[in-house]
Amino acid sequence: MEHQNNVEPTYDLPSGLAKPAVRALTAAGYTRLGQLTRVKEGELRKLHGMGPKAIALLRSELNAKGLAFADAENG
Protein backbone atom coordinates (compact mmCIF):
# COMPACT_ATOMS: atom_id res chain seq x y z
CA MET A 1 0.00 0.00 0.00
CA GLU A 2 1.37 3.38 -1.01
CA HIS A 3 1.17 6.37 1.34
CA GLN A 4 0.77 9.78 -0.19
CA ASN A 5 2.33 12.68 1.60
CA ASN A 6 -0.53 15.14 1.03
CA VAL A 7 -0.79 16.09 4.69
CA GLU A 8 -0.50 19.80 5.43
CA PRO A 9 2.70 20.51 7.38
CA THR A 10 2.15 20.83 11.11
CA TYR A 11 5.22 23.01 11.56
CA ASP A 12 5.66 26.37 9.86
CA LEU A 13 7.63 28.47 12.33
CA PRO A 14 10.24 30.73 10.67
CA SER A 15 13.41 28.90 9.66
CA GLY A 16 15.63 31.64 11.11
CA LEU A 17 14.26 31.10 14.61
CA ALA A 18 16.94 30.05 17.12
CA LYS A 19 16.73 26.50 18.45
CA PRO A 20 16.00 27.55 22.06
CA ALA A 21 13.05 29.61 20.81
CA VAL A 22 11.78 26.72 18.67
CA ARG A 23 12.03 24.37 21.66
CA ALA A 24 10.19 26.88 23.87
CA LEU A 25 7.38 27.30 21.37
CA THR A 26 6.94 23.61 20.61
CA ALA A 27 7.05 22.71 24.31
CA ALA A 28 4.22 25.21 24.84
CA GLY A 29 2.27 23.61 21.99
CA TYR A 30 2.91 26.20 19.27
CA THR A 31 4.05 24.66 16.00
CA ARG A 32 2.34 26.93 13.47
CA LEU A 33 2.72 30.66 13.03
CA GLY A 34 -1.04 31.15 12.91
CA GLN A 35 -1.40 29.78 16.43
CA LEU A 36 0.50 32.78 17.75
CA THR A 37 -2.39 35.10 16.85
CA ARG A 38 -4.22 33.68 19.88
CA VAL A 39 -1.46 34.46 22.37
CA LYS A 40 -0.22 37.76 23.76
CA GLU A 41 3.35 38.78 23.04
CA GLY A 42 3.99 39.14 26.76
CA GLU A 43 3.04 35.51 27.33
CA LEU A 44 5.55 34.38 24.71
CA ARG A 45 8.26 36.51 26.33
CA LYS A 46 7.77 34.51 29.53
CA LEU A 47 8.76 31.26 27.83
CA HIS A 48 12.29 30.12 28.64
CA GLY A 49 14.29 30.48 25.42
CA MET A 50 12.26 33.30 23.89
CA GLY A 51 14.42 36.39 23.50
CA PRO A 52 13.91 39.76 21.85
CA LYS A 53 15.28 38.56 18.49
CA ALA A 54 12.85 35.63 18.40
CA ILE A 55 9.90 37.87 19.28
CA ALA A 56 10.94 40.39 16.61
CA LEU A 57 11.26 37.65 13.98
CA LEU A 58 7.87 36.18 14.86
CA ARG A 59 6.26 39.65 14.81
CA SER A 60 7.81 40.34 11.40
CA GLU A 61 6.65 37.00 9.97
CA LEU A 62 3.14 37.52 11.35
CA ASN A 63 3.01 41.05 9.88
CA ALA A 64 4.15 39.73 6.49
CA LYS A 65 1.09 37.46 6.48
CA GLY A 66 -1.26 40.18 7.68
CA LEU A 67 -1.41 38.68 11.18
CA ALA A 68 -0.43 39.85 14.67
CA PHE A 69 -0.12 38.68 18.26
CA ALA A 70 -3.39 38.73 20.22
CA ASP A 71 -2.57 41.91 22.14
CA ALA A 72 -1.52 43.79 18.99
CA GLU A 73 -4.96 43.28 17.46
CA ASN A 74 -6.80 44.41 20.57
CA GLY A 75 -4.72 47.33 21.64
C-alpha atoms as a PDB file:
ATOM      1  CA  MET A   1       0.000   0.000   0.000  1.00  0.00           C
ATOM      2  CA  GLU A   2       1.367   3.380  -1.014  1.00  0.00           C
ATOM      3  CA  HIS A   3       1.169   6.365   1.340  1.00  0.00           C
ATOM      4  CA  GLN A   4       0.775   9.777  -0.191  1.00  0.00           C
ATOM      5  CA  ASN A   5       2.327  12.682   1.599  1.00  0.00           C
ATOM      6  CA  ASN A   6      -0.527  15.144   1.035  1.00  0.00           C
ATOM      7  CA  VAL A   7      -0.789  16.086   4.691  1.00  0.00           C
ATOM      8  CA  GLU A   8      -0.504  19.798   5.435  1.00  0.00           C
ATOM      9  CA  PRO A   9       2.698  20.508   7.380  1.00  0.00           C
ATOM     10  CA  THR A  10       2.149  20.829  11.109  1.00  0.00           C
ATOM     11  CA  TYR A  11       5.220  23.010  11.557  1.00  0.00           C
ATOM     12  CA  ASP A  12       5.657  26.372   9.860  1.00  0.00           C
ATOM     13  CA  LEU A  13       7.629  28.473  12.326  1.00  0.00           C
ATOM     14  CA  PRO A  14      10.240  30.729  10.672  1.00  0.00           C
ATOM     15  CA  SER A  15      13.410  28.896   9.656  1.00  0.00           C
ATOM     16  CA  GLY A  16      15.629  31.642  11.113  1.00  0.00           C
ATOM     17  CA  LEU A  17      14.262  31.102  14.614  1.00  0.00           C
ATOM     18  CA  ALA A  18      16.944  30.046  17.120  1.00  0.00           C
ATOM     19  CA  LYS A  19      16.729  26.497  18.452  1.00  0.00           C
ATOM     20  CA  PRO A  20      16.000  27.553  22.062  1.00  0.00           C
ATOM     21  CA  ALA A  21      13.046  29.605  20.812  1.00  0.00           C
ATOM     22  CA  VAL A  22      11.779  26.722  18.672  1.00  0.00           C
ATOM     23  CA  ARG A  23      12.026  24.369  21.661  1.00  0.00           C
ATOM     24  CA  ALA A  24      10.193  26.876  23.871  1.00  0.00           C
ATOM     25  CA  LEU A  25       7.378  27.302  21.369  1.00  0.00           C
ATOM     26  CA  THR A  26       6.942  23.609  20.610  1.00  0.00           C
ATOM     27  CA  ALA A  27       7.046  22.709  24.310  1.00  0.00           C
ATOM     28  CA  ALA A  28       4.217  25.211  24.837  1.00  0.00           C
ATOM     29  CA  GLY A  29       2.269  23.607  21.989  1.00  0.00           C
ATOM     30  CA  TYR A  30       2.910  26.199  19.267  1.00  0.00           C
ATOM     31  CA  THR A  31       4.052  24.659  15.996  1.00  0.00           C
ATOM     32  CA  ARG A  32       2.344  26.934  13.473  1.00  0.00           C
ATOM     33  CA  LEU A  33       2.724  30.662  13.026  1.00  0.00           C
ATOM     34  CA  GLY A  34      -1.042  31.154  12.905  1.00  0.00           C
ATOM     35  CA  GLN A  35      -1.404  29.781  16.433  1.00  0.00           C
ATOM     36  CA  LEU A  36       0.497  32.783  17.750  1.00  0.00           C
ATOM     37  CA  THR A  37      -2.389  35.101  16.851  1.00  0.00           C
ATOM     38  CA  ARG A  38      -4.220  33.685  19.885  1.00  0.00           C
ATOM     39  CA  VAL A  39      -1.460  34.463  22.368  1.00  0.00           C
ATOM     40  CA  LYS A  40      -0.223  37.758  23.761  1.00  0.00           C
ATOM     41  CA  GLU A  41       3.347  38.777  23.039  1.00  0.00           C
ATOM     42  CA  GLY A  42       3.989  39.142  26.762  1.00  0.00           C
ATOM     43  CA  GLU A  43       3.038  35.507  27.331  1.00  0.00           C
ATOM     44  CA  LEU A  44       5.550  34.381  24.711  1.00  0.00           C
ATOM     45  CA  ARG A  45       8.258  36.512  26.326  1.00  0.00           C
ATOM     46  CA  LYS A  46       7.769  34.513  29.535  1.00  0.00           C
ATOM     47  CA  LEU A  47       8.759  31.261  27.826  1.00  0.00           C
ATOM     48  CA  HIS A  48      12.294  30.123  28.639  1.00  0.00           C
ATOM     49  CA  GLY A  49      14.285  30.475  25.419  1.00  0.00           C
ATOM     50  CA  MET A  50      12.264  33.297  23.892  1.00  0.00           C
ATOM     51  CA  GLY A  51      14.415  36.388  23.502  1.00  0.00           C
ATOM     52  CA  PRO A  52      13.909  39.761  21.846  1.00  0.00           C
ATOM     53  CA  LYS A  53      15.277  38.557  18.490  1.00  0.00           C
ATOM     54  CA  ALA A  54      12.851  35.635  18.400  1.00  0.00           C
ATOM     55  CA  ILE A  55       9.902  37.873  19.282  1.00  0.00           C
ATOM     56  CA  ALA A  56      10.937  40.393  16.609  1.00  0.00           C
ATOM     57  CA  LEU A  57      11.265  37.652  13.979  1.00  0.00           C
ATOM     58  CA  LEU A  58       7.873  36.181  14.864  1.00  0.00           C
ATOM     59  CA  ARG A  59       6.259  39.645  14.808  1.00  0.00           C
ATOM     60  CA  SER A  60       7.810  40.340  11.400  1.00  0.00           C
ATOM     61  CA  GLU A  61       6.651  36.996   9.973  1.00  0.00           C
ATOM     62  CA  LEU A  62       3.143  37.523  11.348  1.00  0.00           C
ATOM     63  CA  ASN A  63       3.011  41.051   9.883  1.00  0.00           C
ATOM     64  CA  ALA A  64       4.147  39.735   6.493  1.00  0.00           C
ATOM     65  CA  LYS A  65       1.094  37.456   6.482  1.00  0.00           C
ATOM     66  CA  GLY A  66      -1.264  40.183   7.682  1.00  0.00           C
ATOM     67  CA  LEU A  67      -1.408  38.681  11.179  1.00  0.00           C
ATOM     68  CA  ALA A  68      -0.434  39.854  14.668  1.00  0.00           C
ATOM     69  CA  PHE A  69      -0.116  38.685  18.257  1.00  0.00           C
ATOM     70  CA  ALA A  70      -3.392  38.725  20.222  1.00  0.00           C
ATOM     71  CA  ASP A  71      -2.574  41.915  22.139  1.00  0.00           C
ATOM     72  CA  ALA A  72      -1.517  43.787  18.986  1.00  0.00           C
ATOM     73  CA  GLU A  73      -4.965  43.279  17.461  1.00  0.00           C
ATOM     74  CA  ASN A  74      -6.805  44.409  20.572  1.00  0.00           C
ATOM     75  CA  GLY A  75      -4.721  47.328  21.637  1.00  0.00           C
END
